[in-house]
Amino acid sequence: MSVSSVSFNTDVNVRYERLSAEYAKLRSHVKVLSEGVILERKKNDTLNETIRELEVQLRKVEAENESLTFRNDQLVKRVENLQDELETLVHGKAGGVKKGKFPKKSKDTKELLNELGALEGRVAIMEEELQNKIRQNMELTSQMSELEQKHAIELTSLSNEFARKLEQAEARRFDSDRRIEHRPERPVKSVKPLEQSMEINNILAQTPSPQPPPIDEAYLQIAESIRNTLQGLSTLFELLYQRTQVYPFDSSLEPLPSHVKKLSSELAQCSQLLTAPIDAVQQCILRAEFEVSTDVPQLHSSLKVVVKHCKVMMPELLKRLAAEENKNWTKRSQLDGRLNRDFRRPRRESAVLALQLLTVYHD
C-alpha cells in the first residue's frame, strides 16, 4: 500500500467522521424540532376541542334562552288576557258573574304572576351566563390566534436555524472536497541531459547488483505483508461495523432495522474471523520460519471461512443497505460515489485479494 493511498484513505476516514458527527447533530436537532411541533399540535388540538365544547354549550344556552323567551311571551299574553278578564269581571254586572269563578281567576292570576317573576329571574341568570360564555369564547379565540402566531414564529426560527446549520455542514464538506481535489501534486523532475544519463548508466553498470534475499527472509517479508493486509481488512470491517451503527440509522436515537442490525453483526463477525489468520501469520513471523506444507493450508482454511461467509451473507445485506442510503442521500450523489469507491470496493475485493495473496505465497 503506497503512501498516497494511505493518506487518501486517512483523509476520507477523517472526512467521514466529521460528516457523521454533523449528521448526528442534525438528526438530534430534527428530533427536538419534531417533538416541539408535535407538542404544539397537541396544544392546538386541545384548544380546538375546548372551543368546540364551548360552542356546543353556547348553542345549548341560546336554545334555552329562545325557549324561555317564547315561554315568557306566552305568559305575558296570558297575564294580559287574565287582567282583561279581571277588569271585565270587576266592572261588569253582578248578576252576570258567577260567584265561584272570580276567586279562581284571581288565584290563577297570582300563580301566573309568581311564575312570571321566577321565569324573568331565570332568564336574567341565563342571559348573564350566556354573556359570560360569549366572553370566554372570545378570550379563547384570541388566545388561540396568539398561540398559533407564536407557534408559526417559533417554527420559522427553528427551520431557519436548521437550514443554516445544514448549509454550514454542506459548505464545510464542499471546502474539504475542494482542498482534496486541489492538493498540489509532487513536482516532476526535469529530464536530465543525455550525457548525464549515460554517465549514470555507466556507474550503475559498474556497481554490482545486490544479492537477492534468502528464501526464508523473502517468506517472512511476505508474511509481514499478509499480516498487514489482514489487519487492514479487519480494521476495515470494524469501521464498517461502526458506520452501520450511525448511518443511515443512528442506533443512539432510534432502533436499527432488522436487516441493518444483521449486517452490523455480520461485519463484526467478519472482523473476528480474520483474527485466526492474523494469529497464524504472527506465529510464523515469531518463529522466523515459514513452512509451506503446514502454514499455507492453515492460512488457506482460515481465509476460506472468511471468503465463504462474505459470499453467502454479505451481498444481499449490502444491497438493502445501499437502498436505504440512496433514500436518505438522494441530493448528495457526488459524496455517495466517493463513499462507494472508498468503502464498498474494498469489501467486495477483499476475498479476491486474499486468494491472490495465497496463490503468490504457495508459488
Protein backbone atom coordinates (compact mmCIF):
# COMPACT_ATOMS: atom_id res chain seq x y z
CA MET A 1 0.00 0.00 0.00
CA SER A 2 1.54 3.31 -1.10
CA VAL A 3 1.83 6.45 0.97
CA SER A 4 -0.57 8.38 -1.27
CA SER A 5 -3.31 5.74 -0.94
CA VAL A 6 -2.83 5.62 2.85
CA SER A 7 -3.07 9.41 3.12
CA PHE A 8 -6.13 9.44 0.85
CA ASN A 9 -7.85 6.76 2.97
CA THR A 10 -6.95 8.70 6.12
CA ASP A 11 -8.45 11.89 4.66
CA VAL A 12 -11.58 10.00 3.66
CA ASN A 13 -11.91 8.50 7.15
CA VAL A 14 -11.47 11.89 8.82
CA ARG A 15 -13.94 13.49 6.44
CA TYR A 16 -16.41 10.67 7.01
CA GLU A 17 -16.10 11.03 10.81
CA ARG A 18 -16.77 14.77 10.54
CA LEU A 19 -19.78 14.18 8.32
CA SER A 20 -21.05 11.51 10.71
CA ALA A 21 -20.76 13.92 13.64
CA GLU A 22 -22.55 16.67 11.72
CA TYR A 23 -25.22 14.21 10.63
CA ALA A 24 -25.75 13.06 14.24
CA LYS A 25 -26.10 16.71 15.34
CA LEU A 26 -28.65 17.41 12.62
CA ARG A 27 -30.58 14.26 13.50
CA SER A 28 -30.75 15.36 17.15
CA HIS A 29 -31.95 18.83 16.09
CA VAL A 30 -34.58 17.27 13.85
CA LYS A 31 -35.80 15.15 16.75
CA VAL A 32 -36.11 18.22 19.01
CA LEU A 33 -37.93 20.14 16.28
CA SER A 34 -40.33 17.27 15.63
CA GLU A 35 -41.08 16.97 19.35
CA GLY A 36 -41.78 20.72 19.53
CA VAL A 37 -44.10 20.52 16.51
CA ILE A 38 -45.96 17.54 18.00
CA LEU A 39 -46.35 19.36 21.33
CA GLU A 40 -47.70 22.49 19.65
CA ARG A 41 -50.09 20.39 17.59
CA LYS A 42 -51.37 18.73 20.76
CA LYS A 43 -51.93 22.16 22.33
CA ASN A 44 -53.72 23.30 19.20
CA ASP A 45 -55.95 20.21 19.21
CA THR A 46 -56.76 20.77 22.90
CA LEU A 47 -57.73 24.39 22.24
CA ASN A 48 -59.87 23.36 19.26
CA GLU A 49 -61.64 20.76 21.39
CA THR A 50 -62.27 23.37 24.11
CA ILE A 51 -63.68 25.78 21.54
CA ARG A 52 -65.99 23.08 20.16
CA GLU A 53 -67.26 22.29 23.66
CA LEU A 54 -67.87 25.98 24.35
CA GLU A 55 -69.69 26.36 21.05
CA VAL A 56 -71.91 23.40 21.94
CA GLN A 57 -72.65 24.95 25.33
CA LEU A 58 -73.30 28.31 23.65
CA ARG A 59 -75.81 26.79 21.24
CA LYS A 60 -77.48 24.96 24.11
CA VAL A 61 -77.77 28.17 26.15
CA GLU A 62 -79.11 30.06 23.13
CA ALA A 63 -81.72 27.36 22.59
CA GLU A 64 -82.73 27.53 26.25
CA ASN A 65 -82.86 31.32 26.03
CA GLU A 66 -85.11 31.18 22.97
CA SER A 67 -87.36 28.65 24.69
CA LEU A 68 -87.60 30.78 27.82
CA THR A 69 -88.26 33.91 25.76
CA PHE A 70 -91.06 32.15 23.91
CA ARG A 71 -92.50 30.87 27.17
CA ASN A 72 -92.20 34.34 28.68
CA ASP A 73 -94.10 35.86 25.76
CA GLN A 74 -96.83 33.28 26.17
CA LEU A 75 -97.08 34.01 29.87
CA VAL A 76 -97.20 37.76 29.25
CA LYS A 77 -100.05 37.32 26.78
CA ARG A 78 -101.87 35.06 29.20
CA VAL A 79 -101.41 37.57 32.04
CA GLU A 80 -102.74 40.34 29.82
CA ASN A 81 -105.77 38.23 28.94
CA LEU A 82 -106.35 37.43 32.60
CA GLN A 83 -106.05 41.09 33.54
CA ASP A 84 -108.58 41.99 30.85
CA GLU A 85 -110.93 39.32 32.13
CA LEU A 86 -110.41 40.54 35.69
CA GLU A 87 -111.27 44.11 34.75
CA THR A 88 -114.31 42.89 32.88
CA LEU A 89 -115.46 40.91 35.88
CA VAL A 90 -114.90 43.83 38.28
CA HIS A 91 -116.74 46.41 36.18
CA GLY A 92 -119.39 44.06 34.84
CA LYS A 93 -122.78 43.43 36.18
CA ALA A 94 -123.03 41.47 39.39
CA GLY A 95 -125.89 39.32 38.09
CA GLY A 96 -123.95 38.14 35.08
CA VAL A 97 -120.91 36.95 37.07
CA LYS A 98 -120.77 33.56 38.72
CA LYS A 99 -119.69 33.55 42.33
CA GLY A 100 -117.18 30.71 42.16
CA LYS A 101 -115.38 31.89 39.06
CA PHE A 102 -113.82 35.18 40.32
CA PRO A 103 -111.76 33.68 43.14
CA LYS A 104 -110.48 31.03 40.76
CA LYS A 105 -109.33 33.64 38.20
CA SER A 106 -107.73 35.72 40.94
CA LYS A 107 -105.88 32.68 42.18
CA ASP A 108 -104.69 31.77 38.68
CA THR A 109 -103.51 35.33 38.13
CA LYS A 110 -101.39 35.31 41.27
CA GLU A 111 -99.83 31.99 40.35
CA LEU A 112 -99.08 33.22 36.86
CA LEU A 113 -97.53 36.41 38.19
CA ASN A 114 -95.33 34.42 40.57
CA GLU A 115 -94.31 32.05 37.79
CA LEU A 116 -93.62 35.00 35.50
CA GLY A 117 -91.36 36.61 38.12
CA ALA A 118 -89.45 33.34 38.60
CA LEU A 119 -89.06 32.94 34.83
CA GLU A 120 -87.83 36.51 34.45
CA GLY A 121 -85.20 35.91 37.14
CA ARG A 122 -84.14 32.66 35.46
CA VAL A 123 -83.98 34.37 32.07
CA ALA A 124 -81.80 37.12 33.55
CA ILE A 125 -79.46 34.48 35.02
CA MET A 126 -79.31 32.61 31.69
CA GLU A 127 -78.59 35.82 29.81
CA GLU A 128 -75.76 36.62 32.21
CA GLU A 129 -74.33 33.10 31.77
CA LEU A 130 -74.67 33.48 28.02
CA GLN A 131 -72.71 36.73 28.10
CA ASN A 132 -70.01 35.05 30.22
CA LYS A 133 -69.76 32.14 27.76
CA ILE A 134 -69.52 34.53 24.82
CA ARG A 135 -66.77 36.49 26.57
CA GLN A 136 -64.86 33.28 27.42
CA ASN A 137 -65.21 32.12 23.82
CA MET A 138 -63.78 35.40 22.56
CA GLU A 139 -60.88 35.18 25.02
CA LEU A 140 -60.10 31.59 23.98
CA THR A 141 -60.26 32.56 20.31
CA SER A 142 -57.81 35.41 20.87
CA GLN A 143 -55.50 33.14 22.89
CA MET A 144 -55.64 30.51 20.17
CA SER A 145 -54.74 33.06 17.48
CA GLU A 146 -51.83 34.31 19.62
CA LEU A 147 -50.59 30.76 20.20
CA GLU A 148 -50.83 29.95 16.50
CA GLN A 149 -48.89 33.09 15.65
CA LYS A 150 -46.26 32.28 18.29
CA HIS A 151 -46.03 28.69 17.07
CA ALA A 152 -45.58 29.86 13.48
CA ILE A 153 -42.80 32.26 14.55
CA GLU A 154 -41.00 29.55 16.58
CA LEU A 155 -41.34 27.02 13.77
CA THR A 156 -39.96 29.53 11.28
CA SER A 157 -36.98 30.36 13.51
CA LEU A 158 -36.22 26.67 14.12
CA SER A 159 -36.48 25.93 10.41
CA ASN A 160 -34.14 28.81 9.60
CA GLU A 161 -31.64 27.63 12.21
CA PHE A 162 -31.79 24.07 10.88
CA ALA A 163 -31.30 25.32 7.30
CA ARG A 164 -28.37 27.48 8.42
CA LYS A 165 -26.64 24.55 10.15
CA LEU A 166 -27.27 22.34 7.14
CA GLU A 167 -25.75 24.97 4.84
CA GLN A 168 -22.72 25.25 7.13
CA ALA A 169 -22.24 21.47 7.03
CA GLU A 170 -22.54 21.49 3.24
CA ALA A 171 -20.06 24.35 3.00
CA ARG A 172 -17.53 22.52 5.21
CA ARG A 173 -17.96 19.37 3.13
CA PHE A 174 -17.51 21.35 -0.09
CA ASP A 175 -14.37 23.04 1.27
CA SER A 176 -12.88 19.69 2.31
CA ASP A 177 -13.63 18.21 -1.13
CA ARG A 178 -12.10 21.22 -2.84
CA ARG A 179 -8.96 21.03 -0.70
CA ILE A 180 -8.55 17.36 -1.53
CA GLU A 181 -9.12 17.94 -5.26
CA HIS A 182 -6.73 20.91 -5.40
CA ARG A 183 -3.97 19.27 -3.40
CA PRO A 184 -0.63 20.18 -5.02
CA GLU A 185 0.94 17.31 -6.88
CA ARG A 186 4.51 16.27 -6.49
CA PRO A 187 6.80 18.24 -8.79
CA VAL A 188 8.01 16.26 -11.75
CA LYS A 189 11.71 16.13 -12.01
CA SER A 190 13.16 17.56 -15.19
CA VAL A 191 14.71 15.20 -17.72
CA LYS A 192 18.40 15.08 -17.34
CA PRO A 193 20.69 15.64 -20.31
CA LEU A 194 21.83 12.72 -22.38
CA GLU A 195 25.42 12.85 -21.18
CA GLN A 196 24.43 12.81 -17.52
CA SER A 197 22.08 9.88 -18.06
CA MET A 198 24.80 7.93 -19.90
CA GLU A 199 27.23 8.59 -17.04
CA ILE A 200 24.66 7.33 -14.54
CA ASN A 201 24.10 4.20 -16.64
CA ASN A 202 27.83 3.52 -16.68
CA ILE A 203 28.06 3.92 -12.91
CA LEU A 204 25.12 1.57 -12.44
CA ALA A 205 26.67 -0.96 -14.80
CA GLN A 206 29.93 -0.91 -12.82
CA THR A 207 28.15 -1.21 -9.48
CA PRO A 208 27.50 -4.85 -8.58
CA SER A 209 23.81 -5.70 -8.16
CA PRO A 210 22.75 -6.66 -4.63
CA GLN A 211 22.20 -10.28 -3.87
CA PRO A 212 18.58 -11.38 -3.59
CA PRO A 213 17.45 -12.11 -0.05
CA PRO A 214 17.33 -15.70 1.13
CA ILE A 215 14.16 -17.68 0.60
CA ASP A 216 13.27 -17.71 4.33
CA GLU A 217 13.69 -13.95 4.60
CA ALA A 218 11.53 -13.46 1.50
CA TYR A 219 8.85 -15.67 3.03
CA LEU A 220 8.97 -13.63 6.26
CA GLN A 221 8.62 -10.38 4.30
CA ILE A 222 5.62 -11.85 2.50
CA ALA A 223 4.21 -12.97 5.86
CA GLU A 224 4.54 -9.44 7.24
CA SER A 225 2.75 -8.12 4.15
CA ILE A 226 -0.01 -10.71 4.66
CA ARG A 227 -0.33 -9.74 8.32
CA ASN A 228 -0.59 -6.03 7.49
CA THR A 229 -3.15 -6.76 4.77
CA LEU A 230 -5.29 -8.91 7.05
CA GLN A 231 -5.07 -6.34 9.84
CA GLY A 232 -6.18 -3.68 7.36
CA LEU A 233 -9.14 -5.84 6.32
CA SER A 234 -10.06 -6.43 9.97
CA THR A 235 -9.88 -2.69 10.64
CA LEU A 236 -12.00 -2.06 7.54
CA PHE A 237 -14.73 -4.45 8.70
CA GLU A 238 -14.61 -2.86 12.16
CA LEU A 239 -15.01 0.63 10.66
CA LEU A 240 -17.89 -0.59 8.51
CA TYR A 241 -19.49 -2.06 11.62
CA GLN A 242 -19.18 1.32 13.38
CA ARG A 243 -20.57 3.02 10.28
CA THR A 244 -23.73 0.90 10.30
CA GLN A 245 -24.32 2.00 13.90
CA VAL A 246 -24.64 5.68 12.92
CA TYR A 247 -25.62 5.74 9.23
CA PRO A 248 -28.20 5.64 7.68
CA PHE A 249 -29.86 4.92 11.06
CA ASP A 250 -28.38 6.19 14.32
CA SER A 251 -28.58 3.48 17.00
CA SER A 252 -28.34 6.11 19.77
CA LEU A 253 -31.50 7.87 18.53
CA GLU A 254 -33.68 5.05 17.17
CA PRO A 255 -33.74 1.23 17.00
CA LEU A 256 -31.96 -0.22 13.97
CA PRO A 257 -33.98 -2.14 11.34
CA SER A 258 -33.56 -5.90 11.31
CA HIS A 259 -31.51 -6.05 8.10
CA VAL A 260 -29.16 -3.25 9.25
CA LYS A 261 -28.71 -4.95 12.61
CA LYS A 262 -27.98 -8.23 10.83
CA LEU A 263 -25.45 -6.56 8.53
CA SER A 264 -23.78 -4.96 11.55
CA SER A 265 -23.42 -8.34 13.26
CA GLU A 266 -22.08 -9.92 10.05
CA LEU A 267 -19.43 -7.21 9.69
CA ALA A 268 -18.37 -7.66 13.31
CA GLN A 269 -18.19 -11.43 12.74
CA CYS A 270 -16.02 -10.92 9.64
CA SER A 271 -13.64 -8.79 11.70
CA GLN A 272 -13.48 -11.55 14.34
CA LEU A 273 -12.96 -14.30 11.74
CA LEU A 274 -9.84 -12.51 10.49
CA THR A 275 -8.28 -12.88 13.95
CA ALA A 276 -7.37 -16.54 13.34
CA PRO A 277 -5.33 -15.99 10.12
CA ILE A 278 -3.66 -12.92 11.65
CA ASP A 279 -2.56 -15.01 14.64
CA ALA A 280 -1.31 -17.79 12.35
CA VAL A 281 0.81 -15.37 10.32
CA GLN A 282 2.08 -13.73 13.52
CA GLN A 283 3.23 -17.13 14.81
CA CYS A 284 5.16 -17.69 11.58
CA ILE A 285 6.87 -14.32 11.98
CA LEU A 286 7.76 -15.07 15.61
CA ARG A 287 9.21 -18.47 14.65
CA ALA A 288 11.25 -16.74 11.90
CA GLU A 289 10.36 -19.53 9.51
CA PHE A 290 7.58 -20.31 7.07
CA GLU A 291 6.58 -23.92 6.46
CA VAL A 292 4.77 -24.18 3.13
CA SER A 293 3.41 -27.64 3.86
CA THR A 294 1.69 -26.69 7.15
CA ASP A 295 1.29 -22.91 7.33
CA VAL A 296 -0.24 -22.40 3.88
CA PRO A 297 -3.09 -24.95 4.38
CA GLN A 298 -3.87 -23.47 7.81
CA LEU A 299 -3.97 -19.94 6.40
CA HIS A 300 -5.98 -21.12 3.40
CA SER A 301 -8.62 -22.80 5.59
CA SER A 302 -8.95 -19.70 7.80
CA LEU A 303 -9.34 -17.36 4.83
CA LYS A 304 -11.73 -19.80 3.13
CA VAL A 305 -14.12 -19.42 6.07
CA VAL A 306 -13.99 -15.61 5.76
CA VAL A 307 -14.49 -15.67 1.98
CA LYS A 308 -17.39 -18.11 2.23
CA HIS A 309 -19.00 -16.02 4.94
CA CYS A 310 -18.71 -12.86 2.83
CA LYS A 311 -20.05 -14.52 -0.33
CA VAL A 312 -23.06 -16.09 1.38
CA MET A 313 -24.18 -13.40 3.84
CA MET A 314 -22.95 -10.02 2.63
CA PRO A 315 -24.27 -9.27 -0.93
CA GLU A 316 -28.00 -9.14 -0.17
CA LEU A 317 -27.47 -7.19 3.06
CA LEU A 318 -25.18 -4.70 1.31
CA LYS A 319 -27.77 -4.28 -1.44
CA ARG A 320 -30.52 -3.46 1.06
CA LEU A 321 -28.25 -1.08 2.96
CA ALA A 322 -27.36 0.69 -0.29
CA ALA A 323 -31.08 1.15 -1.00
CA GLU A 324 -31.56 2.70 2.46
CA GLU A 325 -28.59 5.04 1.90
CA ASN A 326 -29.91 6.12 -1.50
CA LYS A 327 -33.22 7.06 0.12
CA ASN A 328 -31.53 9.33 2.66
CA TRP A 329 -28.82 10.81 0.40
CA THR A 330 -30.57 11.47 -2.91
CA LYS A 331 -29.20 15.03 -3.02
CA ARG A 332 -25.57 14.01 -2.42
CA SER A 333 -24.70 11.88 -5.42
CA GLN A 334 -21.10 13.05 -5.56
CA LEU A 335 -20.42 12.07 -1.94
CA ASP A 336 -22.20 8.75 -2.48
CA GLY A 337 -19.93 7.97 -5.43
CA ARG A 338 -16.80 8.63 -3.39
CA LEU A 339 -18.05 6.64 -0.44
CA ASN A 340 -18.88 3.77 -2.78
CA ARG A 341 -15.37 3.83 -4.21
CA ASP A 342 -13.60 4.20 -0.87
CA PHE A 343 -15.63 1.89 1.34
CA ARG A 344 -17.59 -0.64 -0.69
CA ARG A 345 -14.97 -1.67 -3.22
CA PRO A 346 -12.57 -2.98 -0.53
CA ARG A 347 -15.42 -5.06 0.91
CA ARG A 348 -16.08 -6.71 -2.44
CA GLU A 349 -12.42 -7.15 -3.38
CA SER A 350 -11.20 -8.42 0.00
CA ALA A 351 -11.86 -12.06 -0.91
CA VAL A 352 -10.15 -11.77 -4.31
CA LEU A 353 -7.13 -10.05 -2.74
CA ALA A 354 -6.80 -12.76 -0.09
CA LEU A 355 -6.95 -15.55 -2.70
CA GLN A 356 -4.35 -13.81 -4.89
CA LEU A 357 -2.02 -13.47 -1.90
CA LEU A 358 -2.46 -17.16 -1.11
CA THR A 359 -1.62 -18.09 -4.71
CA VAL A 360 1.56 -15.98 -4.62
CA TYR A 361 2.66 -17.47 -1.30
CA HIS A 362 2.01 -21.00 -2.47
CA ASP A 363 4.09 -20.44 -5.62
